[in-house]
Amino acid sequence: YDKAMTCMSFVREVLGDDPESQRHMFVGDSPNDEPLFEAFP
């Protein structure tokens, strides 16, 4: 697992939304945020 996988699960299971929709944004600052930069539209 990583941050991106867990965040996408949260969007689907808790927010009840499509992770690929442009209703969700991620903001970060470092290389370990790269999976999230890739996962979030």
PDB file of all heavy atoms in Angstrom:
ATOM      1  N   TYR A   1       0.827  -1.208   0.000  1.00  0.00           N
ATOM      2  CA  TYR A   1       0.000   0.000   0.000  1.00  0.00           C
ATOM      3  C   TYR A   1       0.862   1.260   0.000  1.00  0.00           C
ATOM      4  O   TYR A   1       2.056   1.234   0.315  1.00  0.00           O
ATOM      5  CB  TYR A   1      -0.923   0.000   1.219  1.00  0.00           C
ATOM      6  CG  TYR A   1      -0.185   0.017   2.548  1.00  0.00           C
ATOM      7  CD1 TYR A   1       0.256   1.203   3.116  1.00  0.00           C
ATOM      8  CD2 TYR A   1       0.093  -1.168   3.232  1.00  0.00           C
ATOM      9  CE1 TYR A   1       0.938   1.224   4.315  1.00  0.00           C
ATOM     10  CE2 TYR A   1       0.766  -1.162   4.439  1.00  0.00           C
ATOM     11  CZ  TYR A   1       1.174   0.028   4.985  1.00  0.00           C
ATOM     12  OH  TYR A   1       1.855   0.046   6.171  1.00  0.00           O
ATOM     13  N   ASP A   2       0.228   2.376  -0.349  1.00  0.00           N
ATOM     14  CA  ASP A   2       0.873   3.687  -0.211  1.00  0.00           C
ATOM     15  C   ASP A   2      -0.214   4.737   0.002  1.00  0.00           C
ATOM     16  O   ASP A   2      -1.404   4.418   0.075  1.00  0.00           O
ATOM     17  CB  ASP A   2       1.766   4.025  -1.418  1.00  0.00           C
ATOM     18  CG  ASP A   2       0.993   4.108  -2.734  1.00  0.00           C
ATOM     19  OD1 ASP A   2      -0.255   4.141  -2.719  1.00  0.00           O
ATOM     20  OD2 ASP A   2       1.643   4.166  -3.799  1.00  0.00           O
ATOM     21  N   LYS A   3       0.190   5.986   0.118  1.00  0.00           N
ATOM     22  CA  LYS A   3      -0.770   7.065   0.368  1.00  0.00           C
ATOM     23  C   LYS A   3      -1.826   7.147  -0.731  1.00  0.00           C
ATOM     24  O   LYS A   3      -3.013   7.347  -0.452  1.00  0.00           O
ATOM     25  CB  LYS A   3      -0.033   8.406   0.447  1.00  0.00           C
ATOM     26  CG  LYS A   3       0.884   8.596   1.637  1.00  0.00           C
ATOM     27  CD  LYS A   3       1.580   9.944   1.501  1.00  0.00           C
ATOM     28  CE  LYS A   3       2.566  10.221   2.606  1.00  0.00           C
ATOM     29  NZ  LYS A   3       3.293  11.499   2.385  1.00  0.00           N
ATOM     30  N   ALA A   4      -1.389   7.018  -1.983  1.00  0.00           N
ATOM     31  CA  ALA A   4      -2.311   7.181  -3.107  1.00  0.00           C
ATOM     32  C   ALA A   4      -3.407   6.123  -3.075  1.00  0.00           C
ATOM     33  O   ALA A   4      -4.592   6.433  -3.269  1.00  0.00           O
ATOM     34  CB  ALA A   4      -1.545   7.127  -4.426  1.00  0.00           C
ATOM     35  N   MET A   5      -3.034   4.872  -2.851  1.00  0.00           N
ATOM     36  CA  MET A   5      -4.023   3.797  -2.817  1.00  0.00           C
ATOM     37  C   MET A   5      -5.060   4.042  -1.723  1.00  0.00           C
ATOM     38  O   MET A   5      -6.267   3.872  -1.938  1.00  0.00           O
ATOM     39  CB  MET A   5      -3.325   2.453  -2.591  1.00  0.00           C
ATOM     40  CG  MET A   5      -2.473   1.975  -3.738  1.00  0.00           C
ATOM     41  SD  MET A   5      -1.512   0.493  -3.318  1.00  0.00           S
ATOM     42  CE  MET A   5      -2.827  -0.638  -2.853  1.00  0.00           C
ATOM     43  N   THR A   6      -4.609   4.447  -0.555  1.00  0.00           N
ATOM     44  CA  THR A   6      -5.527   4.676   0.553  1.00  0.00           C
ATOM     45  C   THR A   6      -6.426   5.872   0.290  1.00  0.00           C
ATOM     46  O   THR A   6      -7.621   5.847   0.602  1.00  0.00           O
ATOM     47  CB  THR A   6      -4.746   4.850   1.861  1.00  0.00           C
ATOM     48  OG1 THR A   6      -3.946   3.684   2.083  1.00  0.00           O
ATOM     49  CG2 THR A   6      -5.672   5.041   3.044  1.00  0.00           C
ATOM     50  N   CYS A   7      -5.865   6.934  -0.303  1.00  0.00           N
ATOM     51  CA  CYS A   7      -6.689   8.108  -0.623  1.00  0.00           C
ATOM     52  C   CYS A   7      -7.762   7.770  -1.653  1.00  0.00           C
ATOM     53  O   CYS A   7      -8.913   8.220  -1.540  1.00  0.00           O
ATOM     54  CB  CYS A   7      -5.810   9.241  -1.140  1.00  0.00           C
ATOM     55  SG  CYS A   7      -4.823  10.041   0.127  1.00  0.00           S
ATOM     56  N   MET A   8      -7.406   6.995  -2.671  1.00  0.00           N
ATOM     57  CA  MET A   8      -8.399   6.619  -3.671  1.00  0.00           C
ATOM     58  C   MET A   8      -9.505   5.758  -3.057  1.00  0.00           C
ATOM     59  O   MET A   8     -10.680   5.912  -3.393  1.00  0.00           O
ATOM     60  CB  MET A   8      -7.724   5.880  -4.821  1.00  0.00           C
ATOM     61  CG  MET A   8      -6.726   6.711  -5.641  1.00  0.00           C
ATOM     62  SD  MET A   8      -7.444   8.174  -6.421  1.00  0.00           S
ATOM     63  CE  MET A   8      -6.878   9.480  -5.307  1.00  0.00           C
ATOM     64  N   SER A   9      -9.143   4.873  -2.131  1.00  0.00           N
ATOM     65  CA  SER A   9     -10.152   4.079  -1.422  1.00  0.00           C
ATOM     66  C   SER A   9     -11.064   4.983  -0.593  1.00  0.00           C
ATOM     67  O   SER A   9     -12.278   4.760  -0.524  1.00  0.00           O
ATOM     68  CB  SER A   9      -9.478   3.053  -0.501  1.00  0.00           C
ATOM     69  OG  SER A   9      -8.772   2.098  -1.247  1.00  0.00           O
ATOM     70  N   PHE A  10     -10.489   6.001   0.026  1.00  0.00           N
ATOM     71  CA  PHE A  10     -11.277   6.942   0.824  1.00  0.00           C
ATOM     72  C   PHE A  10     -12.287   7.675  -0.050  1.00  0.00           C
ATOM     73  O   PHE A  10     -13.451   7.850   0.334  1.00  0.00           O
ATOM     74  CB  PHE A  10     -10.348   7.940   1.513  1.00  0.00           C
ATOM     75  CG  PHE A  10     -11.058   8.937   2.383  1.00  0.00           C
ATOM     76  CD1 PHE A  10     -11.358   8.636   3.699  1.00  0.00           C
ATOM     77  CD2 PHE A  10     -11.427  10.176   1.885  1.00  0.00           C
ATOM     78  CE1 PHE A  10     -12.022   9.552   4.513  1.00  0.00           C
ATOM     79  CE2 PHE A  10     -12.089  11.098   2.687  1.00  0.00           C
ATOM     80  CZ  PHE A  10     -12.385  10.782   3.997  1.00  0.00           C
ATOM     81  N   VAL A  11     -11.857   8.112  -1.225  1.00  0.00           N
ATOM     82  CA  VAL A  11     -12.764   8.815  -2.140  1.00  0.00           C
ATOM     83  C   VAL A  11     -13.938   7.915  -2.515  1.00  0.00           C
ATOM     84  O   VAL A  11     -15.105   8.338  -2.493  1.00  0.00           O
ATOM     85  CB  VAL A  11     -12.016   9.288  -3.402  1.00  0.00           C
ATOM     86  CG1 VAL A  11     -13.002   9.825  -4.446  1.00  0.00           C
ATOM     87  CG2 VAL A  11     -10.997  10.372  -3.057  1.00  0.00           C
ATOM     88  N   ARG A  12     -13.645   6.662  -2.840  1.00  0.00           N
ATOM     89  CA  ARG A  12     -14.702   5.745  -3.257  1.00  0.00           C
ATOM     90  C   ARG A  12     -15.618   5.345  -2.097  1.00  0.00           C
ATOM     91  O   ARG A  12     -16.848   5.401  -2.209  1.00  0.00           O
ATOM     92  CB  ARG A  12     -14.088   4.467  -3.857  1.00  0.00           C
ATOM     93  CG  ARG A  12     -13.482   4.637  -5.235  1.00  0.00           C
ATOM     94  CD  ARG A  12     -13.146   3.271  -5.832  1.00  0.00           C
ATOM     95  NE  ARG A  12     -12.214   2.527  -4.990  1.00  0.00           N
ATOM     96  CZ  ARG A  12     -10.891   2.575  -5.116  1.00  0.00           C
ATOM     97  NH1 ARG A  12     -10.341   3.348  -6.047  1.00  0.00           N
ATOM     98  NH2 ARG A  12     -10.109   1.868  -4.329  1.00  0.00           N
ATOM     99  N   GLU A  13     -15.008   4.934  -0.976  1.00  0.00           N
ATOM    100  CA  GLU A  13     -15.769   4.283   0.083  1.00  0.00           C
ATOM    101  C   GLU A  13     -16.362   5.248   1.109  1.00  0.00           C
ATOM    102  O   GLU A  13     -17.410   4.959   1.697  1.00  0.00           O
ATOM    103  CB  GLU A  13     -14.873   3.269   0.785  1.00  0.00           C
ATOM    104  CG  GLU A  13     -14.386   2.151  -0.133  1.00  0.00           C
ATOM    105  CD  GLU A  13     -13.306   1.298   0.489  1.00  0.00           C
ATOM    106  OE1 GLU A  13     -13.127   1.382   1.729  1.00  0.00           O
ATOM    107  OE2 GLU A  13     -12.629   0.550  -0.243  1.00  0.00           O
ATOM    108  N   VAL A  14     -15.707   6.371   1.350  1.00  0.00           N
ATOM    109  CA  VAL A  14     -16.195   7.315   2.360  1.00  0.00           C
ATOM    110  C   VAL A  14     -16.906   8.501   1.707  1.00  0.00           C
ATOM    111  O   VAL A  14     -18.020   8.863   2.084  1.00  0.00           O
ATOM    112  CB  VAL A  14     -15.042   7.800   3.260  1.00  0.00           C
ATOM    113  CG1 VAL A  14     -15.569   8.804   4.292  1.00  0.00           C
ATOM    114  CG2 VAL A  14     -14.386   6.619   3.972  1.00  0.00           C
ATOM    115  N   LEU A  15     -16.275   9.102   0.701  1.00  0.00           N
ATOM    116  CA  LEU A  15     -16.898  10.237   0.021  1.00  0.00           C
ATOM    117  C   LEU A  15     -17.925   9.783  -1.007  1.00  0.00           C
ATOM    118  O   LEU A  15     -18.751  10.578  -1.454  1.00  0.00           O
ATOM    119  CB  LEU A  15     -15.831  11.102  -0.646  1.00  0.00           C
ATOM    120  CG  LEU A  15     -14.779  11.732   0.273  1.00  0.00           C
ATOM    121  CD1 LEU A  15     -13.822  12.600  -0.543  1.00  0.00           C
ATOM    122  CD2 LEU A  15     -15.429  12.550   1.382  1.00  0.00           C
ATOM    123  N   GLY A  16     -17.863   8.499  -1.403  1.00  0.00           N
ATOM    124  CA  GLY A  16     -18.820   7.980  -2.366  1.00  0.00           C
ATOM    125  C   GLY A  16     -18.712   8.624  -3.726  1.00  0.00           C
ATOM    126  O   GLY A  16     -19.716   8.871  -4.405  1.00  0.00           O
ATOM    127  N   ASP A  17     -17.489   8.876  -4.164  1.00  0.00           N
ATOM    128  CA  ASP A  17     -17.283   9.601  -5.415  1.00  0.00           C
ATOM    129  C   ASP A  17     -16.305   8.842  -6.306  1.00  0.00           C
ATOM    130  O   ASP A  17     -15.676   7.862  -5.894  1.00  0.00           O
ATOM    131  CB  ASP A  17     -16.757  11.004  -5.122  1.00  0.00           C
ATOM    132  CG  ASP A  17     -17.215  12.035  -6.136  1.00  0.00           C
ATOM    133  OD1 ASP A  17     -17.608  11.651  -7.251  1.00  0.00           O
ATOM    134  OD2 ASP A  17     -17.157  13.244  -5.815  1.00  0.00           O
ATOM    135  N   ASP A  18     -16.152   9.322  -7.516  1.00  0.00           N
ATOM    136  CA  ASP A  18     -15.248   8.735  -8.493  1.00  0.00           C
ATOM    137  C   ASP A  18     -13.861   9.346  -8.325  1.00  0.00           C
ATOM    138  O   ASP A  18     -13.712  10.566  -8.475  1.00  0.00           O
ATOM    139  CB  ASP A  18     -15.781   9.000  -9.901  1.00  0.00           C
ATOM    140  CG  ASP A  18     -14.879   8.462 -11.001  1.00  0.00           C
ATOM    141  OD1 ASP A  18     -13.854   7.826 -10.684  1.00  0.00           O
ATOM    142  OD2 ASP A  18     -15.194   8.687 -12.181  1.00  0.00           O
ATOM    143  N   PRO A  19     -12.843   8.546  -8.019  1.00  0.00           N
ATOM    144  CA  PRO A  19     -11.497   9.113  -7.842  1.00  0.00           C
ATOM    145  C   PRO A  19     -10.957   9.833  -9.072  1.00  0.00           C
ATOM    146  O   PRO A  19     -10.067  10.671  -8.952  1.00  0.00           O
ATOM    147  CB  PRO A  19     -10.641   7.875  -7.519  1.00  0.00           C
ATOM    148  CG  PRO A  19     -11.597   6.869  -7.006  1.00  0.00           C
ATOM    149  CD  PRO A  19     -12.879   7.107  -7.757  1.00  0.00           C
ATOM    150  N   GLU A  20     -11.487   9.528 -10.240  1.00  0.00           N
ATOM    151  CA  GLU A  20     -10.991  10.155 -11.463  1.00  0.00           C
ATOM    152  C   GLU A  20     -11.693  11.463 -11.785  1.00  0.00           C
ATOM    153  O   GLU A  20     -11.332  12.146 -12.750  1.00  0.00           O
ATOM    154  CB  GLU A  20     -11.124   9.182 -12.632  1.00  0.00           C
ATOM    155  CG  GLU A  20     -10.253   7.937 -12.480  1.00  0.00           C
ATOM    156  CD  GLU A  20     -10.297   7.047 -13.697  1.00  0.00           C
ATOM    157  OE1 GLU A  20     -10.939   7.432 -14.707  1.00  0.00           O
ATOM    158  OE2 GLU A  20      -9.685   5.962 -13.648  1.00  0.00           O
ATOM    159  N   SER A  21     -12.695  11.820 -11.012  1.00  0.00           N
ATOM    160  CA  SER A  21     -13.374  13.093 -11.264  1.00  0.00           C
ATOM    161  C   SER A  21     -12.502  14.248 -10.796  1.00  0.00           C
ATOM    162  O   SER A  21     -11.643  14.082  -9.919  1.00  0.00           O
ATOM    163  CB  SER A  21     -14.722  13.135 -10.539  1.00  0.00           C
ATOM    164  OG  SER A  21     -14.535  13.380  -9.151  1.00  0.00           O
ATOM    165  N   GLN A  22     -12.735  15.423 -11.359  1.00  0.00           N
ATOM    166  CA  GLN A  22     -11.948  16.590 -10.988  1.00  0.00           C
ATOM    167  C   GLN A  22     -12.581  17.338  -9.820  1.00  0.00           C
ATOM    168  O   GLN A  22     -12.542  18.563  -9.753  1.00  0.00           O
ATOM    169  CB  GLN A  22     -11.750  17.498 -12.202  1.00  0.00           C
ATOM    170  CG  GLN A  22     -10.905  16.872 -13.282  1.00  0.00           C
ATOM    171  CD  GLN A  22     -10.204  17.891 -14.150  1.00  0.00           C
ATOM    172  OE1 GLN A  22     -10.399  19.100 -14.054  1.00  0.00           O
ATOM    173  NE2 GLN A  22      -9.356  17.414 -15.036  1.00  0.00           N
ATOM    174  N   ARG A  23     -13.138  16.569  -8.884  1.00  0.00           N
ATOM    175  CA  ARG A  23     -13.726  17.144  -7.675  1.00  0.00           C
ATOM    176  C   ARG A  23     -12.809  16.977  -6.473  1.00  0.00           C
ATOM    177  O   ARG A  23     -13.165  17.332  -5.355  1.00  0.00           O
ATOM    178  CB  ARG A  23     -15.071  16.479  -7.389  1.00  0.00           C
ATOM    179  CG  ARG A  23     -16.169  16.891  -8.342  1.00  0.00           C
ATOM    180  CD  ARG A  23     -17.363  15.957  -8.322  1.00  0.00           C
ATOM    181  NE  ARG A  23     -17.831  15.598  -6.992  1.00  0.00           N
ATOM    182  CZ  ARG A  23     -18.604  16.376  -6.230  1.00  0.00           C
ATOM    183  NH1 ARG A  23     -18.963  17.583  -6.664  1.00  0.00           N
ATOM    184  NH2 ARG A  23     -19.003  15.962  -5.046  1.00  0.00           N
ATOM    185  N   HIS A  24     -11.611  16.449  -6.738  1.00  0.00           N
ATOM    186  CA  HIS A  24     -10.677  16.171  -5.655  1.00  0.00           C
ATOM    187  C   HIS A  24      -9.292  16.667  -6.047  1.00  0.00           C
ATOM    188  O   HIS A  24      -8.834  16.441  -7.162  1.00  0.00           O
ATOM    189  CB  HIS A  24     -10.634  14.672  -5.354  1.00  0.00           C
ATOM    190  CG  HIS A  24     -11.993  14.055  -5.324  1.00  0.00           C
ATOM    191  ND1 HIS A  24     -12.867  14.246  -4.298  1.00  0.00           N
ATOM    192  CD2 HIS A  24     -12.643  13.284  -6.236  1.00  0.00           C
ATOM    193  CE1 HIS A  24     -13.993  13.621  -4.552  1.00  0.00           C
ATOM    194  NE2 HIS A  24     -13.885  13.028  -5.734  1.00  0.00           N
ATOM    195  N   MET A  25      -8.613  17.315  -5.120  1.00  0.00           N
ATOM    196  CA  MET A  25      -7.308  17.922  -5.383  1.00  0.00           C
ATOM    197  C   MET A  25      -6.323  17.474  -4.318  1.00  0.00           C
ATOM    198  O   MET A  25      -6.694  17.320  -3.146  1.00  0.00           O
ATOM    199  CB  MET A  25      -7.433  19.443  -5.391  1.00  0.00           C
ATOM    200  CG  MET A  25      -6.143  20.218  -5.610  1.00  0.00           C
ATOM    201  SD  MET A  25      -6.406  22.014  -5.439  1.00  0.00           S
ATOM    202  CE  MET A  25      -7.434  22.358  -6.857  1.00  0.00           C
ATOM    203  N   PHE A  26      -5.067  17.300  -4.724  1.00  0.00           N
ATOM    204  CA  PHE A  26      -4.005  17.024  -3.759  1.00  0.00           C
ATOM    205  C   PHE A  26      -2.945  18.104  -3.848  1.00  0.00           C
ATOM    206  O   PHE A  26      -2.569  18.538  -4.945  1.00  0.00           O
ATOM    207  CB  PHE A  26      -3.349  15.669  -4.011  1.00  0.00           C
ATOM    208  CG  PHE A  26      -2.146  15.433  -3.138  1.00  0.00           C
ATOM    209  CD1 PHE A  26      -2.307  15.133  -1.800  1.00  0.00           C
ATOM    210  CD2 PHE A  26      -0.861  15.573  -3.640  1.00  0.00           C
ATOM    211  CE1 PHE A  26      -1.197  14.968  -0.968  1.00  0.00           C
ATOM    212  CE2 PHE A  26       0.256  15.403  -2.821  1.00  0.00           C
ATOM    213  CZ  PHE A  26       0.071  15.092  -1.478  1.00  0.00           C
ATOM    214  N   VAL A  27      -2.422  18.518  -2.688  1.00  0.00           N
ATOM    215  CA  VAL A  27      -1.319  19.483  -2.648  1.00  0.00           C
ATOM    216  C   VAL A  27      -0.204  18.915  -1.771  1.00  0.00           C
ATOM    217  O   VAL A  27      -0.448  18.408  -0.676  1.00  0.00           O
ATOM    218  CB  VAL A  27      -1.790  20.869  -2.134  1.00  0.00           C
ATOM    219  CG1 VAL A  27      -2.485  20.779  -0.792  1.00  0.00           C
ATOM    220  CG2 VAL A  27      -0.618  21.841  -2.057  1.00  0.00           C
ATOM    221  N   GLY A  28       1.039  18.969  -2.281  1.00  0.00           N
ATOM    222  CA  GLY A  28       2.177  18.427  -1.549  1.00  0.00           C
ATOM    223  C   GLY A  28       3.466  19.137  -1.901  1.00  0.00           C
ATOM    224  O   GLY A  28       3.455  20.170  -2.585  1.00  0.00           O
ATOM    225  N   ASP A  29       4.596  18.547  -1.462  1.00  0.00           N
ATOM    226  CA  ASP A  29       5.850  19.286  -1.602  1.00  0.00           C
ATOM    227  C   ASP A  29       7.081  18.446  -1.887  1.00  0.00           C
ATOM    228  O   ASP A  29       8.159  19.011  -2.123  1.00  0.00           O
ATOM    229  CB  ASP A  29       6.133  20.054  -0.297  1.00  0.00           C
ATOM    230  CG  ASP A  29       6.623  19.128   0.806  1.00  0.00           C
ATOM    231  OD1 ASP A  29       5.821  18.352   1.330  1.00  0.00           O
ATOM    232  OD2 ASP A  29       7.826  19.152   1.128  1.00  0.00           O
ATOM    233  N   SER A  30       7.003  17.096  -1.851  1.00  0.00           N
ATOM    234  CA  SER A  30       8.244  16.325  -1.883  1.00  0.00           C
ATOM    235  C   SER A  30       8.122  15.080  -2.761  1.00  0.00           C
ATOM    236  O   SER A  30       7.024  14.719  -3.195  1.00  0.00           O
ATOM    237  CB  SER A  30       8.658  15.934  -0.464  1.00  0.00           C
ATOM    238  OG  SER A  30       7.777  14.968   0.068  1.00  0.00           O
ATOM    239  N   PRO A  31       9.253  14.385  -3.015  1.00  0.00           N
ATOM    240  CA  PRO A  31       9.221  13.213  -3.903  1.00  0.00           C
ATOM    241  C   PRO A  31       8.281  12.110  -3.443  1.00  0.00           C
ATOM    242  O   PRO A  31       7.726  11.387  -4.270  1.00  0.00           O
ATOM    243  CB  PRO A  31      10.678  12.734  -3.886  1.00  0.00           C
ATOM    244  CG  PRO A  31      11.485  13.943  -3.580  1.00  0.00           C
ATOM    245  CD  PRO A  31      10.636  14.744  -2.631  1.00  0.00           C
ATOM    246  N   ASN A  32       8.084  11.949  -2.133  1.00  0.00           N
ATOM    247  CA  ASN A  32       7.181  10.874  -1.691  1.00  0.00           C
ATOM    248  C   ASN A  32       5.722  11.200  -1.968  1.00  0.00           C
ATOM    249  O   ASN A  32       4.849  10.361  -1.777  1.00  0.00           O
ATOM    250  CB  ASN A  32       7.406  10.527  -0.217  1.00  0.00           C
ATOM    251  CG  ASN A  32       6.875  11.582   0.721  1.00  0.00           C
ATOM    252  OD1 ASN A  32       6.864  12.763   0.417  1.00  0.00           O
ATOM    253  ND2 ASN A  32       6.444  11.163   1.896  1.00  0.00           N
ATOM    254  N   ASP A  33       5.458  12.412  -2.456  1.00  0.00           N
ATOM    255  CA  ASP A  33       4.101  12.778  -2.871  1.00  0.00           C
ATOM    256  C   ASP A  33       3.846  12.451  -4.345  1.00  0.00           C
ATOM    257  O   ASP A  33       2.720  12.628  -4.821  1.00  0.00           O
ATOM    258  CB  ASP A  33       3.859  14.274  -2.650  1.00  0.00           C
ATOM    259  CG  ASP A  33       3.856  14.664  -1.182  1.00  0.00           C
ATOM    260  OD1 ASP A  33       3.377  13.853  -0.362  1.00  0.00           O
ATOM    261  OD2 ASP A  33       4.338  15.760  -0.852  1.00  0.00           O
ATOM    262  N   GLU A  34       4.849  11.979  -5.057  1.00  0.00           N
ATOM    263  CA  GLU A  34       4.697  11.744  -6.489  1.00  0.00           C
ATOM    264  C   GLU A  34       3.550  10.782  -6.827  1.00  0.00           C
ATOM    265  O   GLU A  34       2.801  11.042  -7.789  1.00  0.00           O
ATOM    266  CB  GLU A  34       6.001  11.261  -7.112  1.00  0.00           C
ATOM    267  CG  GLU A  34       5.938  11.172  -8.623  1.00  0.00           C
ATOM    268  CD  GLU A  34       7.306  10.965  -9.270  1.00  0.00           C
ATOM    269  OE1 GLU A  34       8.303  10.821  -8.542  1.00  0.00           O
ATOM    270  OE2 GLU A  34       7.355  10.974 -10.513  1.00  0.00           O
ATOM    271  N   PRO A  35       3.356   9.676  -6.097  1.00  0.00           N
ATOM    272  CA  PRO A  35       2.202   8.824  -6.423  1.00  0.00           C
ATOM    273  C   PRO A  35       0.868   9.552  -6.334  1.00  0.00           C
ATOM    274  O   PRO A  35      -0.067   9.254  -7.075  1.00  0.00           O
ATOM    275  CB  PRO A  35       2.297   7.703  -5.380  1.00  0.00           C
ATOM    276  CG  PRO A  35       3.737   7.664  -5.000  1.00  0.00           C
ATOM    277  CD  PRO A  35       4.188   9.089  -5.036  1.00  0.00           C
ATOM    278  N   LEU A  36       0.785  10.525  -5.449  1.00  0.00           N
ATOM    279  CA  LEU A  36      -0.437  11.307  -5.310  1.00  0.00           C
ATOM    280  C   LEU A  36      -0.574  12.330  -6.438  1.00  0.00           C
ATOM    281  O   LEU A  36      -1.674  12.574  -6.934  1.00  0.00           O
ATOM    282  CB  LEU A  36      -0.448  11.998  -3.946  1.00  0.00           C
ATOM    283  CG  LEU A  36      -0.583  11.035  -2.772  1.00  0.00           C
ATOM    284  CD1 LEU A  36       0.112  11.579  -1.541  1.00  0.00           C
ATOM    285  CD2 LEU A  36      -2.041  10.749  -2.464  1.00  0.00           C
ATOM    286  N   PHE A  37       0.547  12.936  -6.847  1.00  0.00           N
ATOM    287  CA  PHE A  37       0.497  13.833  -7.995  1.00  0.00           C
ATOM    288  C   PHE A  37       0.015  13.089  -9.238  1.00  0.00           C
ATOM    289  O   PHE A  37      -0.693  13.641 -10.079  1.00  0.00           O
ATOM    290  CB  PHE A  37       1.877  14.442  -8.272  1.00  0.00           C
ATOM    291  CG  PHE A  37       2.381  15.364  -7.202  1.00  0.00           C
ATOM    292  CD1 PHE A  37       3.734  15.379  -6.856  1.00  0.00           C
ATOM    293  CD2 PHE A  37       1.540  16.231  -6.534  1.00  0.00           C
ATOM    294  CE1 PHE A  37       4.223  16.236  -5.881  1.00  0.00           C
ATOM    295  CE2 PHE A  37       2.007  17.092  -5.547  1.00  0.00           C
ATOM    296  CZ  PHE A  37       3.361  17.096  -5.222  1.00  0.00           C
ATOM    297  N   GLU A  38       0.406  11.815  -9.339  1.00  0.00           N
ATOM    298  CA  GLU A  38      -0.015  11.002 -10.480  1.00  0.00           C
ATOM    299  C   GLU A  38      -1.470  10.569 -10.351  1.00  0.00           C
ATOM    300  O   GLU A  38      -2.223  10.573 -11.332  1.00  0.00           O
ATOM    301  CB  GLU A  38       0.868   9.765 -10.593  1.00  0.00           C
ATOM    302  CG  GLU A  38       0.486   8.851 -11.745  1.00  0.00           C
ATOM    303  CD  GLU A  38       1.314   7.584 -11.807  1.00  0.00           C
ATOM    304  OE1 GLU A  38       2.050   7.297 -10.853  1.00  0.00           O
ATOM    305  OE2 GLU A  38       1.207   6.886 -12.838  1.00  0.00           O
ATOM    306  N   ALA A  39      -1.898  10.200  -9.139  1.00  0.00           N
ATOM    307  CA  ALA A  39      -3.223   9.618  -8.956  1.00  0.00           C
ATOM    308  C   ALA A  39      -4.350  10.636  -9.049  1.00  0.00           C
ATOM    309  O   ALA A  39      -5.437  10.322  -9.552  1.00  0.00           O
ATOM    310  CB  ALA A  39      -3.281   8.904  -7.604  1.00  0.00           C
ATOM    311  N   PHE A  40      -4.115  11.844  -8.558  1.00  0.00           N
ATOM    312  CA  PHE A  40      -5.180  12.836  -8.530  1.00  0.00           C
ATOM    313  C   PHE A  40      -5.254  13.590  -9.852  1.00  0.00           C
ATOM    314  O   PHE A  40      -4.235  14.070 -10.363  1.00  0.00           O
ATOM    315  CB  PHE A  40      -4.947  13.829  -7.389  1.00  0.00           C
ATOM    316  CG  PHE A  40      -5.424  13.341  -6.054  1.00  0.00           C
ATOM    317  CD1 PHE A  40      -4.660  12.472  -5.298  1.00  0.00           C
ATOM    318  CD2 PHE A  40      -6.661  13.744  -5.554  1.00  0.00           C
ATOM    319  CE1 PHE A  40      -5.101  12.005  -4.077  1.00  0.00           C
ATOM    320  CE2 PHE A  40      -7.117  13.291  -4.326  1.00  0.00           C
ATOM    321  CZ  PHE A  40      -6.333  12.412  -3.585  1.00  0.00           C
ATOM    322  N   PRO A  41      -6.452  13.752 -10.411  1.00  0.00           N
ATOM    323  CA  PRO A  41      -6.578  14.506 -11.658  1.00  0.00           C
ATOM    324  C   PRO A  41      -6.244  15.982 -11.491  1.00  0.00           C
ATOM    325  O   PRO A  41      -5.891  16.656 -12.459  1.00  0.00           O
ATOM    326  CB  PRO A  41      -8.045  14.299 -12.050  1.00  0.00           C
ATOM    327  CG  PRO A  41      -8.738  13.919 -10.778  1.00  0.00           C
ATOM    328  CD  PRO A  41      -7.718  13.179  -9.968  1.00  0.00           C
TER     329      PRO A  41
END
